[in-house]
């Protein structure tokens, strides 16, 4: 299961690099939500930041796919279900 998650995360990161290269102006809805929750703008959601969204707070452990104690943008996109729309 961890290998699948890692592969999916790697695919999302590659997709993000392609989007940056093409200067795609539109963000996924999940990316915009992530940015709004990332209060300290460090690129990851802590448990405290996730607590601002009751649904995310309840699913924090599930959304934190690599179990490192924070949710990356890629993990958030996977959690939100936007990964399919992003080609992941």
C-alpha atoms as a PDB file:
ATOM      1  CA  UNK A   1       0.000   0.000   0.000  1.00  0.00           C
ATOM      2  CA  UNK A   2       2.818   2.428   0.864  1.00  0.00           C
ATOM      3  CA  UNK A   3       4.444   1.796  -2.535  1.00  0.00           C
ATOM      4  CA  UNK A   4       1.192   2.660  -4.280  1.00  0.00           C
ATOM      5  CA  UNK A   5       0.828   5.890  -2.286  1.00  0.00           C
ATOM      6  CA  UNK A   6       4.437   6.845  -2.957  1.00  0.00           C
ATOM      7  CA  UNK A   7       3.995   6.209  -6.683  1.00  0.00           C
ATOM      8  CA  UNK A   8       0.806   8.266  -6.710  1.00  0.00           C
ATOM      9  CA  UNK A   9       2.518  11.103  -4.829  1.00  0.00           C
ATOM     10  CA  UNK A  10       5.454  11.003  -7.257  1.00  0.00           C
ATOM     11  CA  UNK A  11       3.019  11.177 -10.163  1.00  0.00           C
ATOM     12  CA  UNK A  12       1.308  14.199  -8.666  1.00  0.00           C
ATOM     13  CA  UNK A  13       4.612  15.936  -8.116  1.00  0.00           C
ATOM     14  CA  UNK A  14       5.600  15.255 -11.731  1.00  0.00           C
ATOM     15  CA  UNK A  15       2.259  16.615 -12.866  1.00  0.00           C
ATOM     16  CA  UNK A  16       2.834  19.741 -10.783  1.00  0.00           C
ATOM     17  CA  UNK A  17       6.215  20.238 -12.454  1.00  0.00           C
ATOM     18  CA  UNK A  18       4.616  19.933 -15.890  1.00  0.00           C
ATOM     19  CA  UNK A  19       1.912  22.420 -14.902  1.00  0.00           C
ATOM     20  CA  UNK A  20       4.588  24.863 -13.727  1.00  0.00           C
ATOM     21  CA  UNK A  21       6.538  24.445 -16.951  1.00  0.00           C
ATOM     22  CA  UNK A  22       3.460  25.239 -19.023  1.00  0.00           C
ATOM     23  CA  UNK A  23       2.510  28.110 -16.670  1.00  0.00           C
ATOM     24  CA  UNK A  24      -0.985  26.701 -16.281  1.00  0.00           C
ATOM     25  CA  UNK A  25      -2.860  29.476 -14.440  1.00  0.00           C
ATOM     26  CA  UNK A  26      -5.675  27.397 -13.005  1.00  0.00           C
ATOM     27  CA  UNK A  27      -5.320  25.518  -9.738  1.00  0.00           C
ATOM     28  CA  UNK A  28      -7.325  22.500  -8.765  1.00  0.00           C
ATOM     29  CA  UNK A  29     -10.002  23.291  -6.200  1.00  0.00           C
ATOM     30  CA  UNK A  30      -8.089  21.103  -3.744  1.00  0.00           C
ATOM     31  CA  UNK A  31      -4.906  23.132  -4.292  1.00  0.00           C
ATOM     32  CA  UNK A  32      -6.760  26.349  -3.486  1.00  0.00           C
ATOM     33  CA  UNK A  33      -8.247  24.761  -0.364  1.00  0.00           C
ATOM     34  CA  UNK A  34      -4.799  23.536   0.678  1.00  0.00           C
ATOM     35  CA  UNK A  35      -3.295  27.009   0.258  1.00  0.00           C
ATOM     36  CA  UNK A  36      -6.071  28.545   2.346  1.00  0.00           C
ATOM     37  CA  UNK A  37      -5.511  26.010   5.163  1.00  0.00           C
ATOM     38  CA  UNK A  38      -1.695  26.296   5.130  1.00  0.00           C
ATOM     39  CA  UNK A  39      -1.588  29.259   7.524  1.00  0.00           C
ATOM     40  CA  UNK A  40       2.204  29.359   7.899  1.00  0.00           C
ATOM     41  CA  UNK A  41       2.746  28.761   4.151  1.00  0.00           C
ATOM     42  CA  UNK A  42       5.334  26.000   4.694  1.00  0.00           C
ATOM     43  CA  UNK A  43       3.782  23.668   2.109  1.00  0.00           C
ATOM     44  CA  UNK A  44       2.345  21.214   4.646  1.00  0.00           C
ATOM     45  CA  UNK A  45      -0.676  21.073   6.926  1.00  0.00           C
ATOM     46  CA  UNK A  46      -0.028  20.424  10.591  1.00  0.00           C
ATOM     47  CA  UNK A  47      -2.691  18.838  12.777  1.00  0.00           C
ATOM     48  CA  UNK A  48      -3.501  22.322  14.096  1.00  0.00           C
ATOM     49  CA  UNK A  49      -3.986  23.719  10.590  1.00  0.00           C
ATOM     50  CA  UNK A  50      -6.087  20.702   9.595  1.00  0.00           C
ATOM     51  CA  UNK A  51      -8.285  21.280  12.638  1.00  0.00           C
ATOM     52  CA  UNK A  52      -9.718  24.331  10.834  1.00  0.00           C
ATOM     53  CA  UNK A  53     -11.635  21.873   8.627  1.00  0.00           C
ATOM     54  CA  UNK A  54     -13.699  19.452  10.727  1.00  0.00           C
ATOM     55  CA  UNK A  55     -13.857  16.795   7.997  1.00  0.00           C
ATOM     56  CA  UNK A  56     -10.097  16.911   7.412  1.00  0.00           C
ATOM     57  CA  UNK A  57      -9.393  16.908  11.143  1.00  0.00           C
ATOM     58  CA  UNK A  58     -11.433  13.715  11.531  1.00  0.00           C
ATOM     59  CA  UNK A  59      -9.555  12.058   8.653  1.00  0.00           C
ATOM     60  CA  UNK A  60      -6.079  13.446   9.423  1.00  0.00           C
ATOM     61  CA  UNK A  61      -4.396  10.042   9.863  1.00  0.00           C
ATOM     62  CA  UNK A  62      -5.941   8.770   6.622  1.00  0.00           C
ATOM     63  CA  UNK A  63      -4.962  11.889   4.666  1.00  0.00           C
ATOM     64  CA  UNK A  64      -1.394  11.743   6.033  1.00  0.00           C
ATOM     65  CA  UNK A  65      -0.502   8.863   3.716  1.00  0.00           C
ATOM     66  CA  UNK A  66       3.164   8.677   4.666  1.00  0.00           C
ATOM     67  CA  UNK A  67       2.346   9.091   8.375  1.00  0.00           C
ATOM     68  CA  UNK A  68       4.933  11.851   8.913  1.00  0.00           C
ATOM     69  CA  UNK A  69       2.607  13.970  11.052  1.00  0.00           C
ATOM     70  CA  UNK A  70       1.684  16.486   8.375  1.00  0.00           C
ATOM     71  CA  UNK A  71      -0.272  16.571   5.134  1.00  0.00           C
ATOM     72  CA  UNK A  72       1.588  17.625   1.995  1.00  0.00           C
ATOM     73  CA  UNK A  73      -0.180  19.258  -0.934  1.00  0.00           C
ATOM     74  CA  UNK A  74       0.017  15.975  -2.883  1.00  0.00           C
ATOM     75  CA  UNK A  75      -1.485  14.053   0.035  1.00  0.00           C
ATOM     76  CA  UNK A  76      -4.264  16.630   0.334  1.00  0.00           C
ATOM     77  CA  UNK A  77      -5.074  16.347  -3.364  1.00  0.00           C
ATOM     78  CA  UNK A  78      -5.228  12.550  -3.045  1.00  0.00           C
ATOM     79  CA  UNK A  79      -7.410  12.853   0.056  1.00  0.00           C
ATOM     80  CA  UNK A  80      -9.769  15.311  -1.631  1.00  0.00           C
ATOM     81  CA  UNK A  81     -10.263  13.127  -4.702  1.00  0.00           C
ATOM     82  CA  UNK A  82      -8.943  15.757  -7.125  1.00  0.00           C
ATOM     83  CA  UNK A  83      -6.042  13.443  -8.060  1.00  0.00           C
ATOM     84  CA  UNK A  84      -8.225  11.871 -10.757  1.00  0.00           C
ATOM     85  CA  UNK A  85      -8.887  15.281 -12.282  1.00  0.00           C
ATOM     86  CA  UNK A  86      -5.155  16.014 -12.183  1.00  0.00           C
ATOM     87  CA  UNK A  87      -4.357  12.850 -14.045  1.00  0.00           C
ATOM     88  CA  UNK A  88      -3.173  10.986 -10.952  1.00  0.00           C
END
